[in-house]
Amino acid sequence: MHTGQAIYAAIDANNGHRYFDNDLQPVQPKEGQRFCEVHVDVDYEGDLRASYEELVEYVGEDEQFTFGPNGETMARKVDLFAPEGDEGARSHRGDALILQS
């Protein structure tokens, strides 16, 4: 298990990249790979705490459309994941995702 500090340090060291192997080395997700969503929260003592949440499978990329500052439609790529035992795909909900071997 990783500490919240180690996860945030890995994200910072990799310019915001959020997909890692178990050694916190960056990985590029591939279809069919399984990841564990990790959330980092502040505990009652003020320390960063990592909690390992849901297992998800990477299913690919999609485009998401939003409105820009001047009302124009903007498209951006999002990575989609399917929670274990669920047919639907969604974007990830964790601060980081750790590849499962």
N, C-alpha and C. Protein backbone atom coordinates (compact mmCIF):
# COMPACT_ATOMS: atom_id res chain seq x y z
N MET A 1 0.85 -1.18 0.00
CA MET A 1 0.00 0.00 0.00
C MET A 1 0.89 1.24 0.00
N HIS A 2 0.43 2.25 -0.68
CA HIS A 2 1.19 3.49 -0.81
C HIS A 2 0.60 4.55 0.12
N THR A 3 1.43 5.48 0.52
CA THR A 3 0.94 6.59 1.33
C THR A 3 0.37 7.66 0.40
N GLY A 4 -0.47 8.50 0.95
CA GLY A 4 -1.01 9.61 0.19
C GLY A 4 0.09 10.53 -0.31
N GLN A 5 1.10 10.75 0.54
CA GLN A 5 2.23 11.60 0.15
C GLN A 5 2.96 11.01 -1.05
N ALA A 6 3.18 9.70 -1.07
CA ALA A 6 3.89 9.05 -2.18
C ALA A 6 3.09 9.15 -3.47
N ILE A 7 1.79 9.00 -3.38
CA ILE A 7 0.94 9.08 -4.57
C ILE A 7 0.95 10.50 -5.12
N TYR A 8 0.77 11.50 -4.26
CA TYR A 8 0.81 12.89 -4.74
C TYR A 8 2.18 13.26 -5.29
N ALA A 9 3.26 12.74 -4.68
CA ALA A 9 4.60 13.01 -5.19
C ALA A 9 4.77 12.41 -6.58
N ALA A 10 4.23 11.20 -6.81
CA ALA A 10 4.33 10.56 -8.13
C ALA A 10 3.53 11.36 -9.17
N ILE A 11 2.36 11.84 -8.79
CA ILE A 11 1.55 12.65 -9.71
C ILE A 11 2.30 13.94 -10.06
N ASP A 12 2.84 14.60 -9.05
CA ASP A 12 3.59 15.85 -9.28
C ASP A 12 4.83 15.61 -10.14
N ALA A 13 5.56 14.53 -9.87
CA ALA A 13 6.79 14.24 -10.60
C ALA A 13 6.53 13.88 -12.05
N ASN A 14 5.30 13.50 -12.37
CA ASN A 14 4.95 13.07 -13.73
C ASN A 14 3.95 14.01 -14.39
N ASN A 15 4.02 15.29 -14.01
CA ASN A 15 3.21 16.34 -14.65
C ASN A 15 1.72 16.04 -14.65
N GLY A 16 1.20 15.53 -13.54
CA GLY A 16 -0.23 15.28 -13.41
C GLY A 16 -0.71 13.94 -13.92
N HIS A 17 0.19 13.12 -14.45
CA HIS A 17 -0.18 11.77 -14.92
C HIS A 17 -0.72 10.98 -13.73
N ARG A 18 -1.79 10.23 -13.92
CA ARG A 18 -2.45 9.56 -12.81
C ARG A 18 -2.53 8.04 -12.90
N TYR A 19 -1.89 7.45 -13.90
CA TYR A 19 -1.92 5.99 -14.05
C TYR A 19 -0.53 5.45 -13.74
N PHE A 20 -0.45 4.50 -12.78
CA PHE A 20 0.84 4.02 -12.30
C PHE A 20 0.83 2.51 -12.13
N ASP A 21 2.05 1.93 -12.15
CA ASP A 21 2.19 0.54 -11.76
C ASP A 21 2.36 0.50 -10.23
N ASN A 22 2.61 -0.68 -9.70
CA ASN A 22 2.70 -0.81 -8.24
C ASN A 22 3.92 -0.12 -7.64
N ASP A 23 4.92 0.21 -8.49
CA ASP A 23 6.11 0.93 -8.03
C ASP A 23 5.96 2.43 -8.24
N LEU A 24 4.76 2.86 -8.57
CA LEU A 24 4.43 4.27 -8.85
C LEU A 24 5.22 4.83 -10.03
N GLN A 25 5.49 3.95 -10.99
CA GLN A 25 6.07 4.37 -12.26
C GLN A 25 4.90 4.58 -13.23
N PRO A 26 4.94 5.63 -14.04
CA PRO A 26 3.80 5.91 -14.93
C PRO A 26 3.60 4.82 -15.98
N VAL A 27 2.35 4.53 -16.26
CA VAL A 27 1.98 3.58 -17.32
C VAL A 27 0.94 4.23 -18.21
N GLN A 28 0.86 3.78 -19.44
CA GLN A 28 -0.17 4.20 -20.37
C GLN A 28 -1.21 3.10 -20.39
N PRO A 29 -2.47 3.39 -20.03
CA PRO A 29 -3.47 2.31 -19.98
C PRO A 29 -3.74 1.71 -21.35
N LYS A 30 -4.00 0.40 -21.36
CA LYS A 30 -4.36 -0.34 -22.56
C LYS A 30 -5.69 -1.04 -22.31
N GLU A 31 -6.47 -1.18 -23.37
CA GLU A 31 -7.77 -1.83 -23.22
C GLU A 31 -7.63 -3.19 -22.56
N GLY A 32 -8.52 -3.45 -21.61
CA GLY A 32 -8.53 -4.72 -20.89
C GLY A 32 -7.73 -4.73 -19.60
N GLN A 33 -6.86 -3.73 -19.40
CA GLN A 33 -6.09 -3.69 -18.16
C GLN A 33 -6.98 -3.29 -17.00
N ARG A 34 -6.68 -3.86 -15.85
CA ARG A 34 -7.45 -3.56 -14.63
C ARG A 34 -6.64 -2.66 -13.72
N PHE A 35 -7.33 -1.68 -13.14
CA PHE A 35 -6.72 -0.71 -12.24
C PHE A 35 -7.54 -0.64 -10.95
N CYS A 36 -6.88 -0.23 -9.89
CA CYS A 36 -7.57 0.06 -8.64
C CYS A 36 -7.59 1.58 -8.49
N GLU A 37 -8.79 2.13 -8.28
CA GLU A 37 -8.91 3.57 -8.05
C GLU A 37 -8.47 3.88 -6.62
N VAL A 38 -7.58 4.86 -6.49
CA VAL A 38 -7.06 5.25 -5.18
C VAL A 38 -7.48 6.68 -4.90
N HIS A 39 -8.06 6.88 -3.73
CA HIS A 39 -8.46 8.22 -3.29
C HIS A 39 -7.51 8.67 -2.18
N VAL A 40 -7.11 9.92 -2.23
CA VAL A 40 -6.25 10.47 -1.19
C VAL A 40 -7.06 11.52 -0.42
N ASP A 41 -7.15 11.33 0.89
CA ASP A 41 -7.90 12.22 1.76
C ASP A 41 -7.02 12.66 2.92
N VAL A 42 -7.42 13.70 3.59
CA VAL A 42 -6.74 14.16 4.79
C VAL A 42 -7.41 13.50 5.99
N ASP A 43 -6.62 12.83 6.84
CA ASP A 43 -7.20 12.18 8.02
C ASP A 43 -7.34 13.18 9.16
N TYR A 44 -7.84 12.73 10.30
CA TYR A 44 -8.13 13.61 11.43
C TYR A 44 -6.88 14.25 12.04
N GLU A 45 -5.69 13.69 11.73
CA GLU A 45 -4.44 14.27 12.22
C GLU A 45 -3.80 15.20 11.20
N GLY A 46 -4.45 15.37 10.05
CA GLY A 46 -3.93 16.24 9.01
C GLY A 46 -2.98 15.57 8.03
N ASP A 47 -2.83 14.26 8.12
CA ASP A 47 -1.95 13.51 7.21
C ASP A 47 -2.75 13.06 5.99
N LEU A 48 -2.05 12.90 4.86
CA LEU A 48 -2.68 12.38 3.66
C LEU A 48 -2.81 10.87 3.78
N ARG A 49 -3.99 10.36 3.54
CA ARG A 49 -4.27 8.93 3.67
C ARG A 49 -4.79 8.42 2.33
N ALA A 50 -4.21 7.34 1.84
CA ALA A 50 -4.66 6.73 0.59
C ALA A 50 -5.62 5.60 0.92
N SER A 51 -6.75 5.58 0.23
CA SER A 51 -7.70 4.48 0.39
C SER A 51 -7.93 3.85 -0.98
N TYR A 52 -7.81 2.54 -1.01
CA TYR A 52 -7.96 1.78 -2.24
C TYR A 52 -9.42 1.41 -2.38
N GLU A 53 -10.03 1.85 -3.47
CA GLU A 53 -11.47 1.74 -3.62
C GLU A 53 -11.86 0.64 -4.61
N GLU A 54 -12.32 1.04 -5.76
CA GLU A 54 -12.95 0.12 -6.70
C GLU A 54 -11.98 -0.39 -7.77
N LEU A 55 -12.15 -1.66 -8.17
CA LEU A 55 -11.42 -2.20 -9.31
C LEU A 55 -12.19 -1.83 -10.57
N VAL A 56 -11.44 -1.30 -11.55
CA VAL A 56 -12.05 -0.90 -12.82
C VAL A 56 -11.21 -1.43 -13.97
N GLU A 57 -11.85 -1.62 -15.13
CA GLU A 57 -11.16 -2.07 -16.32
C GLU A 57 -11.14 -0.95 -17.34
N TYR A 58 -9.97 -0.70 -17.93
CA TYR A 58 -9.84 0.34 -18.95
C TYR A 58 -10.51 -0.16 -20.22
N VAL A 59 -11.46 0.65 -20.77
CA VAL A 59 -12.18 0.23 -21.98
C VAL A 59 -11.89 1.12 -23.18
N GLY A 60 -11.11 2.18 -23.01
CA GLY A 60 -10.73 3.01 -24.15
C GLY A 60 -10.99 4.49 -23.92
N GLU A 61 -10.89 5.25 -25.02
CA GLU A 61 -11.08 6.70 -24.97
C GLU A 61 -12.42 7.09 -25.59
N ASP A 62 -12.90 8.26 -25.21
CA ASP A 62 -14.09 8.84 -25.81
C ASP A 62 -13.92 10.35 -25.80
N GLU A 63 -14.79 11.06 -26.48
CA GLU A 63 -14.76 12.51 -26.45
C GLU A 63 -15.86 13.01 -25.54
N GLN A 64 -15.53 14.02 -24.76
CA GLN A 64 -16.51 14.66 -23.88
C GLN A 64 -16.62 16.11 -24.33
N PHE A 65 -17.84 16.61 -24.41
CA PHE A 65 -18.07 17.97 -24.89
C PHE A 65 -18.50 18.86 -23.75
N THR A 66 -17.91 20.03 -23.67
CA THR A 66 -18.24 21.03 -22.66
C THR A 66 -18.32 22.39 -23.34
N PHE A 67 -18.79 23.38 -22.60
CA PHE A 67 -18.84 24.74 -23.11
C PHE A 67 -17.62 25.51 -22.64
N GLY A 68 -17.01 26.25 -23.54
CA GLY A 68 -15.85 27.07 -23.23
C GLY A 68 -16.27 28.38 -22.59
N PRO A 69 -15.32 29.23 -22.27
CA PRO A 69 -15.60 30.48 -21.57
C PRO A 69 -16.46 31.45 -22.37
N ASN A 70 -16.46 31.32 -23.69
CA ASN A 70 -17.26 32.20 -24.54
C ASN A 70 -18.49 31.49 -25.10
N GLY A 71 -18.85 30.37 -24.51
CA GLY A 71 -20.03 29.62 -24.94
C GLY A 71 -19.79 28.67 -26.09
N GLU A 72 -18.56 28.59 -26.58
CA GLU A 72 -18.26 27.67 -27.68
C GLU A 72 -18.18 26.24 -27.16
N THR A 73 -18.52 25.30 -28.04
CA THR A 73 -18.43 23.89 -27.69
C THR A 73 -16.98 23.43 -27.82
N MET A 74 -16.50 22.77 -26.78
CA MET A 74 -15.12 22.27 -26.76
C MET A 74 -15.15 20.76 -26.54
N ALA A 75 -14.28 20.05 -27.25
CA ALA A 75 -14.17 18.59 -27.09
C ALA A 75 -12.84 18.27 -26.43
N ARG A 76 -12.86 17.25 -25.57
CA ARG A 76 -11.61 16.76 -24.98
C ARG A 76 -11.72 15.25 -24.84
N LYS A 77 -10.56 14.61 -24.90
CA LYS A 77 -10.51 13.15 -24.76
C LYS A 77 -10.60 12.77 -23.28
N VAL A 78 -11.37 11.74 -23.00
CA VAL A 78 -11.45 11.20 -21.64
C VAL A 78 -11.22 9.68 -21.72
N ASP A 79 -10.57 9.16 -20.69
CA ASP A 79 -10.38 7.72 -20.58
C ASP A 79 -11.59 7.13 -19.89
N LEU A 80 -12.07 6.00 -20.40
CA LEU A 80 -13.26 5.35 -19.84
C LEU A 80 -12.89 4.05 -19.14
N PHE A 81 -13.56 3.81 -18.03
CA PHE A 81 -13.34 2.62 -17.22
C PHE A 81 -14.68 1.99 -16.89
N ALA A 82 -14.70 0.67 -16.79
CA ALA A 82 -15.90 -0.06 -16.39
C ALA A 82 -15.64 -0.67 -15.02
N PRO A 83 -16.47 -0.33 -14.03
CA PRO A 83 -16.31 -0.96 -12.71
C PRO A 83 -16.52 -2.46 -12.81
N GLU A 84 -15.85 -3.20 -11.94
CA GLU A 84 -15.97 -4.65 -11.94
C GLU A 84 -17.43 -5.06 -11.75
N GLY A 85 -17.91 -5.93 -12.65
CA GLY A 85 -19.28 -6.41 -12.57
C GLY A 85 -20.31 -5.44 -13.12
N ASP A 86 -19.88 -4.38 -13.79
CA ASP A 86 -20.79 -3.38 -14.33
C ASP A 86 -20.56 -3.28 -15.83
N GLU A 87 -21.62 -3.18 -16.59
CA GLU A 87 -21.52 -3.09 -18.05
C GLU A 87 -21.24 -1.66 -18.52
N GLY A 88 -21.56 -0.65 -17.71
CA GLY A 88 -21.41 0.74 -18.12
C GLY A 88 -19.99 1.25 -17.96
N ALA A 89 -19.61 2.18 -18.83
CA ALA A 89 -18.29 2.79 -18.75
C ALA A 89 -18.43 4.22 -18.23
N ARG A 90 -17.40 4.68 -17.53
CA ARG A 90 -17.38 6.03 -16.95
C ARG A 90 -15.95 6.50 -16.86
N SER A 91 -15.75 7.79 -16.61
CA SER A 91 -14.39 8.27 -16.36
C SER A 91 -14.00 7.85 -14.94
N HIS A 92 -12.70 7.86 -14.68
CA HIS A 92 -12.25 7.38 -13.37
C HIS A 92 -12.65 8.34 -12.26
N ARG A 93 -12.73 7.83 -11.05
CA ARG A 93 -13.14 8.62 -9.89
C ARG A 93 -12.05 8.71 -8.83
N GLY A 94 -10.89 8.21 -9.12
CA GLY A 94 -9.82 8.23 -8.13
C GLY A 94 -8.81 9.34 -8.39
N ASP A 95 -8.01 9.65 -7.37
CA ASP A 95 -6.91 10.59 -7.54
C ASP A 95 -5.82 9.97 -8.38
N ALA A 96 -5.66 8.65 -8.27
CA ALA A 96 -4.69 7.90 -9.07
C ALA A 96 -5.26 6.53 -9.33
N LEU A 97 -4.72 5.85 -10.33
CA LEU A 97 -5.11 4.50 -10.64
C LEU A 97 -3.87 3.63 -10.67
N ILE A 98 -3.91 2.52 -9.93
CA ILE A 98 -2.77 1.61 -9.82
C ILE A 98 -3.07 0.35 -10.63
N LEU A 99 -2.18 0.05 -11.59
CA LEU A 99 -2.34 -1.12 -12.45
C LEU A 99 -2.27 -2.38 -11.61
N GLN A 100 -3.20 -3.30 -11.85
CA GLN A 100 -3.22 -4.58 -11.16
C GLN A 100 -2.59 -5.64 -12.05
N SER A 101 -1.69 -6.44 -11.48
CA SER A 101 -1.02 -7.47 -12.29
C SER A 101 -1.73 -8.78 -12.22
